[in-house]
Amino acid sequence: MNRVILTDIEGTTTSISFVVDVLFPYARAHIAEYIKLHANETNVREQLDEVIKLAGIDNNLDLITQQLIQWIDEDKKITPLKALQGMIWKAGYESGDFKGHVYEDVKRNLVKWHNADLQLYVYSSGSVEAQKLIFGYSEAGDLTKLFSGYFDTRIGNKRDANSYKEIIAEIGVNADEILFLSDIEEELDAAKQTGINTLQLVREDSGVSTKHPFVRDFDEIDI
């Protein structure tokens, strides 16, 4: 019996186009200015130092910015990039430049599951901070109170079974009590290796080719 719902964001709770056409361009457009303004702040400096280490570049803000923009253009799932993007998006959400997109079927089902005493968790390649912003400043209001916790790439790559083993240990339930929702088959494959139950969201594809059970939206999910 499922006691825990673990959900992806992009393509699952949230339109891919919101991430690709709104969030990524916003971060790309503002990252140079943000780094110049905040480079001496501890939380930003820690991420910049990690970029220097990972990329093997000099401690030069122009070089760091160029590297980050390159990673954005290549859609790299790199932790310091995701952390910095989250900081930039926070400023955008707080200034009202945009709200977090969630599909209209998402809120009512999250509320229903939460009220049924299911534990709800998020696992996304975006930073935990970015995850909280999407749900905290969503078009459907503040949904963060519905979630018990959040996981990002600091726990591991989403296509690596070891990441899901770590999540199982942190949540503290049996693998077969967790249902993982994602639109990406390789992520579901990795979760399935650990004994987690899987369900693929096929929201924006006309055809279906998957070895996992699938639904078109949250309304079709039978817990």
N, C-alpha and C. Protein backbone atom coordinates (compact mmCIF):
# COMPACT_ATOMS: atom_id res chain seq x y z
N MET A 1 0.84 -1.20 0.00
CA MET A 1 0.00 0.00 0.00
C MET A 1 0.88 1.25 0.00
N ASN A 2 0.54 2.20 -0.86
CA ASN A 2 1.33 3.42 -0.93
C ASN A 2 1.05 4.32 0.26
N ARG A 3 2.12 4.69 0.96
CA ARG A 3 2.01 5.65 2.06
C ARG A 3 2.66 6.98 1.70
N VAL A 4 3.50 6.96 0.65
CA VAL A 4 4.29 8.13 0.26
C VAL A 4 4.15 8.36 -1.24
N ILE A 5 3.91 9.60 -1.62
CA ILE A 5 3.96 10.01 -3.03
C ILE A 5 5.20 10.85 -3.21
N LEU A 6 6.07 10.42 -4.12
CA LEU A 6 7.29 11.15 -4.47
C LEU A 6 7.10 11.65 -5.90
N THR A 7 7.11 12.96 -6.09
CA THR A 7 6.80 13.49 -7.42
C THR A 7 7.92 14.33 -8.00
N ASP A 8 8.12 14.15 -9.28
CA ASP A 8 8.94 15.03 -10.10
C ASP A 8 8.15 16.34 -10.31
N ILE A 9 8.80 17.35 -10.86
CA ILE A 9 8.11 18.61 -11.16
C ILE A 9 7.92 18.80 -12.66
N GLU A 10 9.01 19.03 -13.38
CA GLU A 10 8.93 19.39 -14.80
C GLU A 10 8.31 18.27 -15.62
N GLY A 11 7.19 18.54 -16.27
CA GLY A 11 6.50 17.54 -17.07
C GLY A 11 5.56 16.68 -16.26
N THR A 12 5.54 16.86 -14.93
CA THR A 12 4.71 16.04 -14.05
C THR A 12 3.69 16.91 -13.32
N THR A 13 4.16 17.83 -12.50
CA THR A 13 3.25 18.79 -11.85
C THR A 13 3.19 20.10 -12.62
N THR A 14 4.19 20.32 -13.44
CA THR A 14 4.43 21.65 -14.01
C THR A 14 4.78 21.53 -15.49
N SER A 15 4.28 22.43 -16.29
CA SER A 15 4.55 22.41 -17.72
C SER A 15 6.04 22.57 -18.02
N ILE A 16 6.53 21.75 -18.94
CA ILE A 16 7.91 21.87 -19.38
C ILE A 16 8.15 23.26 -19.96
N SER A 17 7.15 23.81 -20.64
CA SER A 17 7.33 25.11 -21.28
C SER A 17 7.53 26.22 -20.25
N PHE A 18 6.95 26.09 -19.04
CA PHE A 18 7.18 27.10 -18.01
C PHE A 18 8.65 27.13 -17.62
N VAL A 19 9.23 25.95 -17.46
CA VAL A 19 10.63 25.86 -17.08
C VAL A 19 11.53 26.33 -18.22
N VAL A 20 11.25 25.86 -19.42
CA VAL A 20 12.11 26.13 -20.57
C VAL A 20 11.95 27.56 -21.09
N ASP A 21 10.71 28.05 -21.13
CA ASP A 21 10.43 29.33 -21.77
C ASP A 21 10.36 30.51 -20.81
N VAL A 22 10.22 30.23 -19.50
CA VAL A 22 10.13 31.31 -18.52
C VAL A 22 11.32 31.29 -17.57
N LEU A 23 11.48 30.20 -16.83
CA LEU A 23 12.50 30.17 -15.78
C LEU A 23 13.92 30.22 -16.33
N PHE A 24 14.25 29.34 -17.27
CA PHE A 24 15.62 29.29 -17.79
C PHE A 24 16.04 30.61 -18.43
N PRO A 25 15.22 31.19 -19.33
CA PRO A 25 15.62 32.48 -19.92
C PRO A 25 15.76 33.58 -18.87
N TYR A 26 14.92 33.57 -17.85
CA TYR A 26 15.00 34.60 -16.82
C TYR A 26 16.34 34.50 -16.09
N ALA A 27 16.72 33.28 -15.70
CA ALA A 27 18.00 33.09 -15.02
C ALA A 27 19.17 33.47 -15.92
N ARG A 28 19.10 33.09 -17.18
CA ARG A 28 20.18 33.41 -18.12
C ARG A 28 20.35 34.92 -18.27
N ALA A 29 19.22 35.62 -18.35
CA ALA A 29 19.25 37.06 -18.57
C ALA A 29 19.76 37.83 -17.35
N HIS A 30 19.58 37.27 -16.16
CA HIS A 30 19.89 38.00 -14.93
C HIS A 30 21.13 37.50 -14.19
N ILE A 31 21.74 36.39 -14.67
CA ILE A 31 22.78 35.76 -13.86
C ILE A 31 24.03 36.63 -13.74
N ALA A 32 24.44 37.32 -14.80
CA ALA A 32 25.64 38.15 -14.73
C ALA A 32 25.47 39.27 -13.72
N GLU A 33 24.35 39.96 -13.79
CA GLU A 33 24.09 41.06 -12.86
C GLU A 33 23.98 40.55 -11.43
N TYR A 34 23.31 39.40 -11.27
CA TYR A 34 23.12 38.86 -9.92
C TYR A 34 24.45 38.51 -9.27
N ILE A 35 25.33 37.89 -10.03
CA ILE A 35 26.64 37.51 -9.49
C ILE A 35 27.45 38.75 -9.10
N LYS A 36 27.42 39.76 -9.95
CA LYS A 36 28.17 40.99 -9.63
C LYS A 36 27.66 41.63 -8.35
N LEU A 37 26.36 41.60 -8.13
CA LEU A 37 25.76 42.24 -6.97
C LEU A 37 25.94 41.44 -5.69
N HIS A 38 26.01 40.11 -5.82
CA HIS A 38 25.93 39.25 -4.63
C HIS A 38 27.14 38.35 -4.43
N ALA A 39 28.19 38.52 -5.21
CA ALA A 39 29.34 37.60 -5.18
C ALA A 39 29.99 37.49 -3.81
N ASN A 40 29.90 38.52 -3.00
CA ASN A 40 30.55 38.49 -1.69
C ASN A 40 29.67 37.93 -0.58
N GLU A 41 28.44 37.59 -0.91
CA GLU A 41 27.55 36.97 0.08
C GLU A 41 27.93 35.49 0.23
N THR A 42 27.90 35.00 1.44
CA THR A 42 28.43 33.66 1.73
C THR A 42 27.76 32.57 0.90
N ASN A 43 26.44 32.59 0.83
CA ASN A 43 25.75 31.51 0.12
C ASN A 43 26.03 31.54 -1.37
N VAL A 44 26.22 32.73 -1.94
CA VAL A 44 26.56 32.85 -3.36
C VAL A 44 28.02 32.46 -3.57
N ARG A 45 28.90 32.95 -2.71
CA ARG A 45 30.33 32.68 -2.84
C ARG A 45 30.61 31.18 -2.79
N GLU A 46 29.88 30.46 -1.96
CA GLU A 46 30.06 29.01 -1.87
C GLU A 46 29.76 28.34 -3.21
N GLN A 47 28.71 28.81 -3.89
CA GLN A 47 28.35 28.22 -5.18
C GLN A 47 29.36 28.60 -6.26
N LEU A 48 29.84 29.84 -6.23
CA LEU A 48 30.84 30.26 -7.21
C LEU A 48 32.13 29.47 -7.04
N ASP A 49 32.52 29.21 -5.80
CA ASP A 49 33.72 28.41 -5.55
C ASP A 49 33.55 26.99 -6.07
N GLU A 50 32.33 26.47 -5.97
CA GLU A 50 32.07 25.12 -6.47
C GLU A 50 32.13 25.09 -8.00
N VAL A 51 31.67 26.17 -8.65
CA VAL A 51 31.78 26.27 -10.11
C VAL A 51 33.25 26.27 -10.52
N ILE A 52 34.06 27.05 -9.83
CA ILE A 52 35.51 27.10 -10.11
C ILE A 52 36.12 25.71 -10.00
N LYS A 53 35.75 24.99 -8.97
CA LYS A 53 36.29 23.65 -8.73
C LYS A 53 35.85 22.67 -9.82
N LEU A 54 34.56 22.68 -10.14
CA LEU A 54 34.03 21.72 -11.11
C LEU A 54 34.52 22.00 -12.53
N ALA A 55 34.61 23.28 -12.87
CA ALA A 55 34.98 23.65 -14.24
C ALA A 55 36.49 23.79 -14.43
N GLY A 56 37.22 23.87 -13.31
CA GLY A 56 38.67 24.04 -13.42
C GLY A 56 39.05 25.37 -14.02
N ILE A 57 38.37 26.45 -13.58
CA ILE A 57 38.65 27.77 -14.13
C ILE A 57 39.17 28.69 -13.04
N ASP A 58 39.67 29.86 -13.46
CA ASP A 58 40.18 30.83 -12.50
C ASP A 58 39.04 31.53 -11.76
N ASN A 59 39.41 32.12 -10.63
CA ASN A 59 38.45 32.89 -9.84
C ASN A 59 38.25 34.25 -10.48
N ASN A 60 37.46 34.25 -11.53
CA ASN A 60 37.19 35.46 -12.30
C ASN A 60 35.69 35.48 -12.60
N LEU A 61 35.00 36.55 -12.21
CA LEU A 61 33.55 36.56 -12.33
C LEU A 61 33.07 36.44 -13.78
N ASP A 62 33.82 37.02 -14.71
CA ASP A 62 33.42 36.90 -16.11
C ASP A 62 33.51 35.45 -16.58
N LEU A 63 34.60 34.77 -16.21
CA LEU A 63 34.77 33.36 -16.59
C LEU A 63 33.70 32.49 -15.93
N ILE A 64 33.43 32.77 -14.67
CA ILE A 64 32.41 32.00 -13.96
C ILE A 64 31.05 32.20 -14.61
N THR A 65 30.73 33.43 -14.95
CA THR A 65 29.45 33.73 -15.60
C THR A 65 29.35 33.03 -16.94
N GLN A 66 30.42 33.07 -17.72
CA GLN A 66 30.42 32.40 -19.02
C GLN A 66 30.19 30.90 -18.87
N GLN A 67 30.81 30.32 -17.85
CA GLN A 67 30.64 28.88 -17.62
C GLN A 67 29.20 28.56 -17.23
N LEU A 68 28.62 29.37 -16.36
CA LEU A 68 27.25 29.14 -15.94
C LEU A 68 26.27 29.28 -17.10
N ILE A 69 26.48 30.26 -17.95
CA ILE A 69 25.61 30.45 -19.11
C ILE A 69 25.75 29.26 -20.07
N GLN A 70 26.97 28.77 -20.22
CA GLN A 70 27.18 27.59 -21.06
C GLN A 70 26.41 26.39 -20.50
N TRP A 71 26.47 26.20 -19.19
CA TRP A 71 25.75 25.10 -18.56
C TRP A 71 24.24 25.26 -18.72
N ILE A 72 23.75 26.51 -18.63
CA ILE A 72 22.32 26.75 -18.84
C ILE A 72 21.94 26.36 -20.27
N ASP A 73 22.74 26.79 -21.24
CA ASP A 73 22.46 26.49 -22.65
C ASP A 73 22.51 24.99 -22.93
N GLU A 74 23.34 24.27 -22.17
CA GLU A 74 23.47 22.82 -22.35
C GLU A 74 22.52 22.04 -21.45
N ASP A 75 21.72 22.76 -20.66
CA ASP A 75 20.76 22.15 -19.72
C ASP A 75 21.45 21.15 -18.79
N LYS A 76 22.56 21.57 -18.24
CA LYS A 76 23.32 20.72 -17.33
C LYS A 76 22.64 20.68 -15.95
N LYS A 77 22.62 19.48 -15.35
CA LYS A 77 22.03 19.31 -14.01
C LYS A 77 23.16 19.38 -12.98
N ILE A 78 23.73 20.56 -12.82
CA ILE A 78 24.90 20.76 -11.96
C ILE A 78 24.47 21.55 -10.73
N THR A 79 24.79 21.02 -9.56
CA THR A 79 24.24 21.54 -8.31
C THR A 79 24.48 23.03 -8.09
N PRO A 80 25.71 23.58 -8.24
CA PRO A 80 25.87 25.02 -8.00
C PRO A 80 25.09 25.88 -8.98
N LEU A 81 24.96 25.43 -10.23
CA LEU A 81 24.13 26.16 -11.19
C LEU A 81 22.69 26.18 -10.72
N LYS A 82 22.18 25.01 -10.31
CA LYS A 82 20.79 24.93 -9.87
C LYS A 82 20.56 25.82 -8.64
N ALA A 83 21.55 25.85 -7.75
CA ALA A 83 21.42 26.68 -6.55
C ALA A 83 21.35 28.16 -6.91
N LEU A 84 22.22 28.59 -7.82
CA LEU A 84 22.22 30.00 -8.23
C LEU A 84 20.96 30.36 -9.00
N GLN A 85 20.50 29.45 -9.86
CA GLN A 85 19.25 29.70 -10.57
C GLN A 85 18.11 29.90 -9.56
N GLY A 86 18.12 29.07 -8.51
CA GLY A 86 17.08 29.19 -7.50
C GLY A 86 17.08 30.55 -6.83
N MET A 87 18.27 31.08 -6.56
CA MET A 87 18.38 32.40 -5.93
C MET A 87 17.84 33.49 -6.85
N ILE A 88 18.15 33.37 -8.14
CA ILE A 88 17.68 34.37 -9.11
C ILE A 88 16.16 34.28 -9.27
N TRP A 89 15.66 33.06 -9.33
CA TRP A 89 14.21 32.88 -9.47
C TRP A 89 13.48 33.42 -8.24
N LYS A 90 14.08 33.25 -7.07
CA LYS A 90 13.46 33.77 -5.84
C LYS A 90 13.20 35.27 -5.98
N ALA A 91 14.21 35.97 -6.49
CA ALA A 91 14.04 37.41 -6.69
C ALA A 91 12.92 37.69 -7.69
N GLY A 92 12.82 36.87 -8.73
CA GLY A 92 11.78 37.04 -9.73
C GLY A 92 10.38 36.78 -9.19
N TYR A 93 10.26 35.70 -8.41
CA TYR A 93 8.96 35.41 -7.79
C TYR A 93 8.55 36.52 -6.84
N GLU A 94 9.50 36.95 -6.00
CA GLU A 94 9.18 37.94 -4.98
C GLU A 94 8.82 39.30 -5.59
N SER A 95 9.39 39.61 -6.76
CA SER A 95 9.07 40.88 -7.42
C SER A 95 7.81 40.78 -8.29
N GLY A 96 7.24 39.56 -8.38
CA GLY A 96 6.02 39.37 -9.16
C GLY A 96 6.23 39.26 -10.64
N ASP A 97 7.46 38.96 -11.07
CA ASP A 97 7.73 38.84 -12.51
C ASP A 97 7.03 37.63 -13.11
N PHE A 98 6.74 36.60 -12.31
CA PHE A 98 6.03 35.41 -12.77
C PHE A 98 5.54 34.63 -11.55
N LYS A 99 4.63 33.68 -11.78
CA LYS A 99 4.16 32.75 -10.75
C LYS A 99 4.49 31.34 -11.21
N GLY A 100 4.60 30.42 -10.24
CA GLY A 100 4.91 29.04 -10.58
C GLY A 100 3.73 28.35 -11.23
N HIS A 101 3.98 27.68 -12.35
CA HIS A 101 2.90 26.96 -13.03
C HIS A 101 2.71 25.58 -12.41
N VAL A 102 1.46 25.24 -12.14
CA VAL A 102 1.08 23.85 -11.83
C VAL A 102 -0.16 23.53 -12.65
N TYR A 103 -0.23 22.30 -13.14
CA TYR A 103 -1.43 21.89 -13.87
C TYR A 103 -2.64 21.97 -12.96
N GLU A 104 -3.81 22.22 -13.55
CA GLU A 104 -5.00 22.47 -12.74
C GLU A 104 -5.44 21.22 -11.97
N ASP A 105 -5.05 20.04 -12.39
CA ASP A 105 -5.41 18.82 -11.67
C ASP A 105 -4.51 18.54 -10.48
N VAL A 106 -3.40 19.27 -10.38
CA VAL A 106 -2.39 18.97 -9.37
C VAL A 106 -2.84 19.35 -7.97
N LYS A 107 -3.30 20.59 -7.80
CA LYS A 107 -3.64 21.06 -6.45
C LYS A 107 -4.69 20.19 -5.79
N ARG A 108 -5.79 19.92 -6.48
CA ARG A 108 -6.88 19.19 -5.82
C ARG A 108 -6.45 17.78 -5.42
N ASN A 109 -5.56 17.17 -6.20
CA ASN A 109 -5.11 15.83 -5.84
C ASN A 109 -4.07 15.86 -4.73
N LEU A 110 -3.18 16.84 -4.75
CA LEU A 110 -2.24 16.97 -3.63
C LEU A 110 -2.99 17.19 -2.32
N VAL A 111 -4.01 18.05 -2.37
CA VAL A 111 -4.81 18.31 -1.17
C VAL A 111 -5.52 17.03 -0.72
N LYS A 112 -6.09 16.31 -1.67
CA LYS A 112 -6.80 15.07 -1.35
C LYS A 112 -5.86 14.04 -0.71
N TRP A 113 -4.67 13.89 -1.30
CA TRP A 113 -3.73 12.92 -0.75
C TRP A 113 -3.22 13.36 0.62
N HIS A 114 -2.95 14.63 0.77
CA HIS A 114 -2.49 15.15 2.05
C HIS A 114 -3.55 14.92 3.12
N ASN A 115 -4.80 15.17 2.79
CA ASN A 115 -5.90 14.98 3.74
C ASN A 115 -6.13 13.51 4.06
N ALA A 116 -5.67 12.63 3.16
CA ALA A 116 -5.78 11.18 3.39
C ALA A 116 -4.56 10.65 4.14
N ASP A 117 -3.73 11.57 4.67
CA ASP A 117 -2.56 11.24 5.48
C ASP A 117 -1.44 10.56 4.70
N LEU A 118 -1.42 10.77 3.39
CA LEU A 118 -0.26 10.35 2.61
C LEU A 118 0.85 11.39 2.78
N GLN A 119 2.09 10.93 2.82
CA GLN A 119 3.22 11.85 2.88
C GLN A 119 3.60 12.23 1.45
N LEU A 120 3.78 13.51 1.20
CA LEU A 120 4.11 14.00 -0.14
C LEU A 120 5.53 14.57 -0.14
N TYR A 121 6.33 14.11 -1.11
CA TYR A 121 7.70 14.57 -1.27
C TYR A 121 7.95 14.95 -2.72
N VAL A 122 8.92 15.82 -2.93
CA VAL A 122 9.32 16.24 -4.27
C VAL A 122 10.75 15.77 -4.52
N TYR A 123 11.01 15.27 -5.74
CA TYR A 123 12.39 14.98 -6.16
C TYR A 123 12.56 15.55 -7.56
N SER A 124 13.37 16.60 -7.66
CA SER A 124 13.57 17.30 -8.92
C SER A 124 15.03 17.66 -9.09
N SER A 125 15.45 17.81 -10.34
CA SER A 125 16.83 18.24 -10.59
C SER A 125 17.03 19.71 -10.24
N GLY A 126 15.96 20.48 -10.19
CA GLY A 126 16.05 21.85 -9.69
C GLY A 126 16.32 21.83 -8.20
N SER A 127 16.98 22.86 -7.70
CA SER A 127 17.34 22.89 -6.28
C SER A 127 16.11 22.86 -5.39
N VAL A 128 16.28 22.42 -4.15
CA VAL A 128 15.19 22.42 -3.18
C VAL A 128 14.59 23.81 -3.08
N GLU A 129 15.46 24.83 -3.07
CA GLU A 129 14.98 26.20 -2.99
C GLU A 129 14.08 26.54 -4.18
N ALA A 130 14.47 26.10 -5.38
CA ALA A 130 13.67 26.37 -6.58
C ALA A 130 12.34 25.61 -6.53
N GLN A 131 12.37 24.40 -5.99
CA GLN A 131 11.15 23.61 -5.85
C GLN A 131 10.15 24.32 -4.95
N LYS A 132 10.65 24.80 -3.82
CA LYS A 132 9.77 25.49 -2.86
C LYS A 132 9.19 26.77 -3.46
N LEU A 133 9.94 27.42 -4.33
CA LEU A 133 9.45 28.64 -4.96
C LEU A 133 8.32 28.35 -5.94
N ILE A 134 8.46 27.30 -6.75
CA ILE A 134 7.40 26.96 -7.71
C ILE A 134 6.09 26.71 -6.98
N PHE A 135 6.16 25.94 -5.88
CA PHE A 135 4.94 25.60 -5.15
C PHE A 135 4.52 26.71 -4.19
N GLY A 136 5.48 27.48 -3.69
CA GLY A 136 5.15 28.54 -2.76
C GLY A 136 4.54 29.75 -3.44
N TYR A 137 4.95 30.02 -4.68
CA TYR A 137 4.43 31.16 -5.43
C TYR A 137 3.65 30.67 -6.65
N SER A 138 2.92 29.58 -6.48
CA SER A 138 2.23 28.99 -7.62
C SER A 138 0.96 29.74 -7.98
N GLU A 139 0.50 29.51 -9.18
CA GLU A 139 -0.76 30.09 -9.64
C GLU A 139 -1.94 29.61 -8.79
N ALA A 140 -1.75 28.47 -8.11
CA ALA A 140 -2.80 27.90 -7.26
C ALA A 140 -2.64 28.29 -5.81
N GLY A 141 -1.72 29.21 -5.53
CA GLY A 141 -1.46 29.62 -4.16
C GLY A 141 -0.27 28.89 -3.56
N ASP A 142 -0.09 29.04 -2.26
CA ASP A 142 1.04 28.42 -1.57
C ASP A 142 0.71 26.96 -1.27
N LEU A 143 1.41 26.05 -1.95
CA LEU A 143 1.18 24.61 -1.78
C LEU A 143 2.25 23.94 -0.93
N THR A 144 3.21 24.72 -0.44
CA THR A 144 4.35 24.11 0.27
C THR A 144 3.92 23.39 1.54
N LYS A 145 2.84 23.82 2.17
CA LYS A 145 2.40 23.20 3.41
C LYS A 145 1.93 21.76 3.20
N LEU A 146 1.71 21.37 1.95
CA LEU A 146 1.25 20.02 1.65
C LEU A 146 2.39 19.00 1.66
N PHE A 147 3.64 19.47 1.53
CA PHE A 147 4.77 18.57 1.35
C PHE A 147 5.52 18.31 2.65
N SER A 148 5.97 17.07 2.80
CA SER A 148 6.77 16.68 3.97
C SER A 148 8.26 16.92 3.76
N GLY A 149 8.70 17.00 2.50
CA GLY A 149 10.12 17.22 2.25
C GLY A 149 10.43 17.30 0.77
N TYR A 150 11.69 17.65 0.48
CA TYR A 150 12.14 17.90 -0.89
C TYR A 150 13.52 17.29 -1.09
N PHE A 151 13.78 16.77 -2.29
CA PHE A 151 15.08 16.23 -2.65
C PHE A 151 15.52 16.82 -3.99
N ASP A 152 16.84 17.07 -4.12
CA ASP A 152 17.38 17.55 -5.38
C ASP A 152 18.64 16.76 -5.71
N THR A 153 19.48 17.27 -6.60
CA THR A 153 20.65 16.51 -7.04
C THR A 153 21.71 16.34 -5.96
N ARG A 154 21.53 17.01 -4.83
CA ARG A 154 22.46 16.77 -3.72
C ARG A 154 22.30 15.36 -3.17
N ILE A 155 21.14 14.75 -3.38
CA ILE A 155 20.93 13.36 -2.96
C ILE A 155 21.48 12.40 -4.01
N GLY A 156 21.67 12.91 -5.25
CA GLY A 156 22.18 12.09 -6.34
C GLY A 156 21.43 12.32 -7.64
N ASN A 157 21.97 11.76 -8.71
CA ASN A 157 21.37 11.88 -10.04
C ASN A 157 20.04 11.13 -10.11
N LYS A 158 19.07 11.71 -10.79
CA LYS A 158 17.74 11.12 -10.82
C LYS A 158 17.66 9.84 -11.65
N ARG A 159 18.70 9.55 -12.42
CA ARG A 159 18.71 8.31 -13.20
C ARG A 159 19.62 7.25 -12.58
N ASP A 160 19.97 7.45 -11.32
CA ASP A 160 20.84 6.55 -10.58
C ASP A 160 20.03 5.90 -9.46
N ALA A 161 19.98 4.58 -9.45
CA ALA A 161 19.20 3.86 -8.44
C ALA A 161 19.64 4.18 -7.02
N ASN A 162 20.93 4.47 -6.84
CA ASN A 162 21.43 4.78 -5.49
C ASN A 162 20.76 6.02 -4.90
N SER A 163 20.36 6.95 -5.76
CA SER A 163 19.67 8.15 -5.28
C SER A 163 18.36 7.78 -4.59
N TYR A 164 17.66 6.82 -5.17
CA TYR A 164 16.37 6.41 -4.62
C TYR A 164 16.56 5.58 -3.34
N LYS A 165 17.66 4.86 -3.26
CA LYS A 165 17.98 4.16 -2.01
C LYS A 165 18.19 5.16 -0.88
N GLU A 166 18.86 6.27 -1.19
CA GLU A 166 19.08 7.32 -0.19
C GLU A 166 17.75 7.95 0.23
N ILE A 167 16.87 8.17 -0.73
CA ILE A 167 15.57 8.75 -0.43
C ILE A 167 14.74 7.82 0.45
N ILE A 168 14.75 6.54 0.11
CA ILE A 168 14.03 5.55 0.93
C ILE A 168 14.52 5.61 2.37
N ALA A 169 15.84 5.66 2.54
CA ALA A 169 16.42 5.69 3.88
C ALA A 169 16.02 6.96 4.63
N GLU A 170 16.03 8.09 3.92
CA GLU A 170 15.69 9.37 4.57
C GLU A 170 14.22 9.44 4.97
N ILE A 171 13.35 8.93 4.10
CA ILE A 171 11.92 8.97 4.41
C ILE A 171 11.59 7.97 5.52
N GLY A 172 12.25 6.82 5.49
CA GLY A 172 12.09 5.85 6.56
C GLY A 172 10.90 4.92 6.41
N VAL A 173 10.54 4.59 5.16
CA VAL A 173 9.49 3.61 4.91
C VAL A 173 10.05 2.54 3.97
N ASN A 174 9.29 1.48 3.75
CA ASN A 174 9.70 0.45 2.81
C ASN A 174 9.56 0.98 1.37
N ALA A 175 10.41 0.48 0.48
CA ALA A 175 10.38 0.95 -0.91
C ALA A 175 9.01 0.76 -1.54
N ASP A 176 8.35 -0.37 -1.25
CA ASP A 176 7.07 -0.65 -1.90
C ASP A 176 5.91 0.16 -1.32
N GLU A 177 6.21 1.05 -0.37
CA GLU A 177 5.20 1.96 0.16
C GLU A 177 5.29 3.34 -0.49
N ILE A 178 6.22 3.48 -1.43
CA ILE A 178 6.44 4.75 -2.14
C ILE A 178 5.98 4.63 -3.58
N LEU A 179 5.25 5.64 -4.05
CA LEU A 179 4.89 5.75 -5.47
C LEU A 179 5.61 6.96 -6.05
N PHE A 180 6.42 6.72 -7.09
CA PHE A 180 7.18 7.79 -7.73
C PHE A 180 6.49 8.19 -9.02
N LEU A 181 6.22 9.49 -9.17
CA LEU A 181 5.58 10.04 -10.36
C LEU A 181 6.60 10.83 -11.16
N SER A 182 6.75 10.50 -12.44
CA SER A 182 7.68 11.23 -13.30
C SER A 182 7.27 11.04 -14.75
N ASP A 183 7.69 11.97 -15.60
CA ASP A 183 7.46 11.83 -17.04
C ASP A 183 8.65 11.19 -17.75
N ILE A 184 9.74 10.95 -17.03
CA ILE A 184 10.98 10.45 -17.65
C ILE A 184 11.17 8.96 -17.36
N GLU A 185 11.20 8.17 -18.40
CA GLU A 185 11.26 6.72 -18.23
C GLU A 185 12.54 6.27 -17.52
N GLU A 186 13.68 6.92 -17.83
CA GLU A 186 14.94 6.51 -17.22
C GLU A 186 14.95 6.75 -15.71
N GLU A 187 14.26 7.80 -15.26
CA GLU A 187 14.14 8.05 -13.82
C GLU A 187 13.28 6.97 -13.17
N LEU A 188 12.21 6.61 -13.83
CA LEU A 188 11.33 5.56 -13.32
C LEU A 188 12.05 4.21 -13.29
N ASP A 189 12.88 3.96 -14.30
CA ASP A 189 13.67 2.72 -14.33
C ASP A 189 14.56 2.63 -13.09
N ALA A 190 15.24 3.75 -12.77
CA ALA A 190 16.15 3.77 -11.63
C ALA A 190 15.40 3.54 -10.33
N ALA A 191 14.25 4.19 -10.19
CA ALA A 191 13.45 4.01 -8.97
C ALA A 191 12.94 2.58 -8.85
N LYS A 192 12.52 2.02 -9.97
CA LYS A 192 11.96 0.66 -9.97
C LYS A 192 12.99 -0.36 -9.50
N GLN A 193 14.26 -0.12 -9.79
CA GLN A 193 15.32 -1.05 -9.37
C GLN A 193 15.38 -1.20 -7.87
N THR A 194 14.92 -0.20 -7.13
CA THR A 194 14.98 -0.23 -5.67
C THR A 194 13.71 -0.82 -5.05
N GLY A 195 12.71 -1.11 -5.87
CA GLY A 195 11.45 -1.64 -5.35
C GLY A 195 10.36 -0.60 -5.19
N ILE A 196 10.67 0.66 -5.54
CA ILE A 196 9.66 1.72 -5.50
C ILE A 196 8.63 1.49 -6.61
N ASN A 197 7.37 1.78 -6.32
CA ASN A 197 6.32 1.72 -7.34
C ASN A 197 6.44 2.94 -8.25
N THR A 198 6.14 2.77 -9.51
CA THR A 198 6.32 3.86 -10.48
C THR A 198 5.07 4.09 -11.30
N LEU A 199 4.90 5.35 -11.71
CA LEU A 199 3.80 5.73 -12.58
C LEU A 199 4.27 6.88 -13.46
N GLN A 200 4.14 6.70 -14.76
CA GLN A 200 4.63 7.72 -15.69
C GLN A 200 3.51 8.68 -16.08
N LEU A 201 3.82 9.98 -16.02
CA LEU A 201 2.92 11.01 -16.50
C LEU A 201 3.19 11.23 -17.98
N VAL A 202 2.16 11.09 -18.78
CA VAL A 202 2.28 11.32 -20.22
C VAL A 202 1.31 12.44 -20.57
N ARG A 203 1.69 13.66 -20.22
CA ARG A 203 0.80 14.81 -20.35
C ARG A 203 0.80 15.40 -21.75
N GLU A 204 1.96 15.50 -22.36
CA GLU A 204 2.07 16.31 -23.57
C GLU A 204 2.48 15.49 -24.79
N ASP A 205 2.47 14.15 -24.64
CA ASP A 205 2.79 13.29 -25.77
C ASP A 205 1.51 12.67 -26.31
N SER A 206 1.38 12.61 -27.63
CA SER A 206 0.20 11.99 -28.23
C SER A 206 0.32 10.48 -28.23
N GLY A 207 1.55 9.98 -28.33
CA GLY A 207 1.77 8.54 -28.32
C GLY A 207 2.37 8.08 -27.00
N VAL A 208 2.23 6.81 -26.70
CA VAL A 208 2.74 6.26 -25.46
C VAL A 208 3.62 5.05 -25.77
N SER A 209 4.84 5.06 -25.26
CA SER A 209 5.73 3.92 -25.40
C SER A 209 6.53 3.81 -24.12
N THR A 210 6.03 3.02 -23.18
CA THR A 210 6.67 2.91 -21.88
C THR A 210 6.37 1.55 -21.27
N LYS A 211 7.31 1.05 -20.49
CA LYS A 211 7.08 -0.22 -19.79
C LYS A 211 6.50 0.01 -18.40
N HIS A 212 6.30 1.27 -18.04
CA HIS A 212 5.73 1.61 -16.74
C HIS A 212 4.23 1.89 -16.88
N PRO A 213 3.44 1.64 -15.84
CA PRO A 213 2.06 2.12 -15.87
C PRO A 213 2.05 3.62 -16.10
N PHE A 214 1.03 4.14 -16.79
CA PHE A 214 1.03 5.57 -17.10
C PHE A 214 -0.36 6.15 -16.95
N VAL A 215 -0.38 7.48 -16.75
CA VAL A 215 -1.63 8.25 -16.71
C VAL A 215 -1.40 9.55 -17.47
N ARG A 216 -2.50 10.20 -17.82
CA ARG A 216 -2.41 11.49 -18.52
C ARG A 216 -2.36 12.67 -17.55
N ASP A 217 -2.94 12.49 -16.36
CA ASP A 217 -2.92 13.57 -15.37
C ASP A 217 -3.15 12.96 -13.99
N PHE A 218 -3.11 13.81 -12.95
CA PHE A 218 -3.25 13.33 -11.58
C PHE A 218 -4.65 12.80 -11.30
N ASP A 219 -5.65 13.26 -12.04
CA ASP A 219 -7.02 12.78 -11.81
C ASP A 219 -7.14 11.28 -12.10
N GLU A 220 -6.26 10.75 -12.94
CA GLU A 220 -6.33 9.33 -13.31
C GLU A 220 -5.58 8.44 -12.32
N ILE A 221 -4.91 9.04 -11.34
CA ILE A 221 -4.11 8.26 -10.40
C ILE A 221 -5.01 7.67 -9.33
N ASP A 222 -4.95 6.34 -9.19
CA ASP A 222 -5.73 5.64 -8.18
C ASP A 222 -4.76 5.14 -7.11
N ILE A 223 -4.77 5.78 -5.96
CA ILE A 223 -3.82 5.43 -4.91
C ILE A 223 -4.28 4.18 -4.17
